Amino acid sequence: MMKEQLEKRLGELKAEFESGQKTLAELEARAENIRTVLHRISGAIQVLEEELAKAGHGQNEDGN
């Protein structure tokens, strides 16, 4: 009786562990994708800021 309960609990814990590992792998992949997107956005921001700075230096005193 006790052995059956222990085996049942062991099976439950192994299933939980496997599910947790799968979820963690999915979250890590998602985090990596988000990091890639943020890196691209950061690059685009930098390019736009540089272009705006160049455009600002080319303007005359009245803002044109």
C-alpha atoms as a PDB file:
ATOM      1  CA  MET A   1       0.000   0.000   0.000  1.00  0.00           C
ATOM      2  CA  MET A   2       2.702   2.505   1.003  1.00  0.00           C
ATOM      3  CA  LYS A   3       4.848   1.492  -1.970  1.00  0.00           C
ATOM      4  CA  GLU A   4       1.949   2.126  -4.348  1.00  0.00           C
ATOM      5  CA  GLN A   5       1.408   5.593  -2.898  1.00  0.00           C
ATOM      6  CA  LEU A   6       5.102   6.405  -3.208  1.00  0.00           C
ATOM      7  CA  GLU A   7       5.202   5.174  -6.809  1.00  0.00           C
ATOM      8  CA  LYS A   8       2.106   7.197  -7.641  1.00  0.00           C
ATOM      9  CA  ARG A   9       3.592  10.342  -6.091  1.00  0.00           C
ATOM     10  CA  LEU A  10       6.883   9.725  -7.882  1.00  0.00           C
ATOM     11  CA  GLY A  11       5.042   9.522 -11.194  1.00  0.00           C
ATOM     12  CA  GLU A  12       3.187  12.759 -10.455  1.00  0.00           C
ATOM     13  CA  LEU A  13       6.400  14.561  -9.551  1.00  0.00           C
ATOM     14  CA  LYS A  14       8.173  13.330 -12.669  1.00  0.00           C
ATOM     15  CA  ALA A  15       5.290  14.559 -14.822  1.00  0.00           C
ATOM     16  CA  GLU A  16       5.336  17.950 -13.073  1.00  0.00           C
ATOM     17  CA  PHE A  17       9.092  18.176 -13.521  1.00  0.00           C
ATOM     18  CA  GLU A  18       8.863  17.375 -17.238  1.00  0.00           C
ATOM     19  CA  SER A  19       6.082  19.920 -17.690  1.00  0.00           C
ATOM     20  CA  GLY A  20       8.135  22.533 -15.851  1.00  0.00           C
ATOM     21  CA  GLN A  21      11.169  21.870 -18.027  1.00  0.00           C
ATOM     22  CA  LYS A  22       9.070  22.232 -21.171  1.00  0.00           C
ATOM     23  CA  THR A  23       7.577  25.511 -19.942  1.00  0.00           C
ATOM     24  CA  LEU A  24      11.020  26.840 -19.008  1.00  0.00           C
ATOM     25  CA  ALA A  25      12.415  25.987 -22.449  1.00  0.00           C
ATOM     26  CA  GLU A  26       9.478  27.773 -24.107  1.00  0.00           C
ATOM     27  CA  LEU A  27       9.968  30.857 -21.918  1.00  0.00           C
ATOM     28  CA  GLU A  28      13.708  30.929 -22.599  1.00  0.00           C
ATOM     29  CA  ALA A  29      13.065  30.755 -26.357  1.00  0.00           C
ATOM     30  CA  ARG A  30      10.499  33.536 -26.068  1.00  0.00           C
ATOM     31  CA  ALA A  31      12.919  35.665 -24.034  1.00  0.00           C
ATOM     32  CA  GLU A  32      15.609  35.207 -26.691  1.00  0.00           C
ATOM     33  CA  ASN A  33      13.184  36.261 -29.415  1.00  0.00           C
ATOM     34  CA  ILE A  34      12.236  39.349 -27.397  1.00  0.00           C
ATOM     35  CA  ARG A  35      15.915  40.208 -26.882  1.00  0.00           C
ATOM     36  CA  THR A  36      16.437  40.001 -30.656  1.00  0.00           C
ATOM     37  CA  VAL A  37      13.474  42.295 -31.323  1.00  0.00           C
ATOM     38  CA  LEU A  38      14.653  44.795 -28.689  1.00  0.00           C
ATOM     39  CA  HIS A  39      18.133  44.785 -30.200  1.00  0.00           C
ATOM     40  CA  ARG A  40      16.688  45.576 -33.633  1.00  0.00           C
ATOM     41  CA  ILE A  41      14.495  48.341 -32.202  1.00  0.00           C
ATOM     42  CA  SER A  42      17.485  49.791 -30.362  1.00  0.00           C
ATOM     43  CA  GLY A  43      19.447  49.879 -33.614  1.00  0.00           C
ATOM     44  CA  ALA A  44      16.592  51.591 -35.413  1.00  0.00           C
ATOM     45  CA  ILE A  45      16.303  54.173 -32.617  1.00  0.00           C
ATOM     46  CA  GLN A  46      20.016  54.905 -32.838  1.00  0.00           C
ATOM     47  CA  VAL A  47      19.853  55.382 -36.622  1.00  0.00           C
ATOM     48  CA  LEU A  48      16.852  57.714 -36.355  1.00  0.00           C
ATOM     49  CA  GLU A  49      18.479  59.739 -33.576  1.00  0.00           C
ATOM     50  CA  GLU A  50      21.631  60.128 -35.670  1.00  0.00           C
ATOM     51  CA  GLU A  51      19.600  61.216 -38.697  1.00  0.00           C
ATOM     52  CA  LEU A  52      17.659  63.722 -36.599  1.00  0.00           C
ATOM     53  CA  ALA A  53      20.908  65.098 -35.201  1.00  0.00           C
ATOM     54  CA  LYS A  54      22.270  65.513 -38.740  1.00  0.00           C
ATOM     55  CA  ALA A  55      19.037  67.186 -39.849  1.00  0.00           C
ATOM     56  CA  GLY A  56      19.146  69.502 -36.840  1.00  0.00           C
ATOM     57  CA  HIS A  57      22.642  70.678 -37.710  1.00  0.00           C
ATOM     58  CA  GLY A  58      21.510  71.474 -41.237  1.00  0.00           C
ATOM     59  CA  GLN A  59      18.695  73.800 -40.158  1.00  0.00           C
ATOM     60  CA  ASN A  60      19.053  77.554 -40.145  1.00  0.00           C
ATOM     61  CA  GLU A  61      18.188  79.885 -37.256  1.00  0.00           C
ATOM     62  CA  ASP A  62      14.414  80.035 -37.908  1.00  0.00           C
ATOM     63  CA  GLY A  63      14.029  76.227 -37.758  1.00  0.00           C
ATOM     64  CA  ASN A  64      13.924  75.536 -41.498  1.00  0.00           C
END
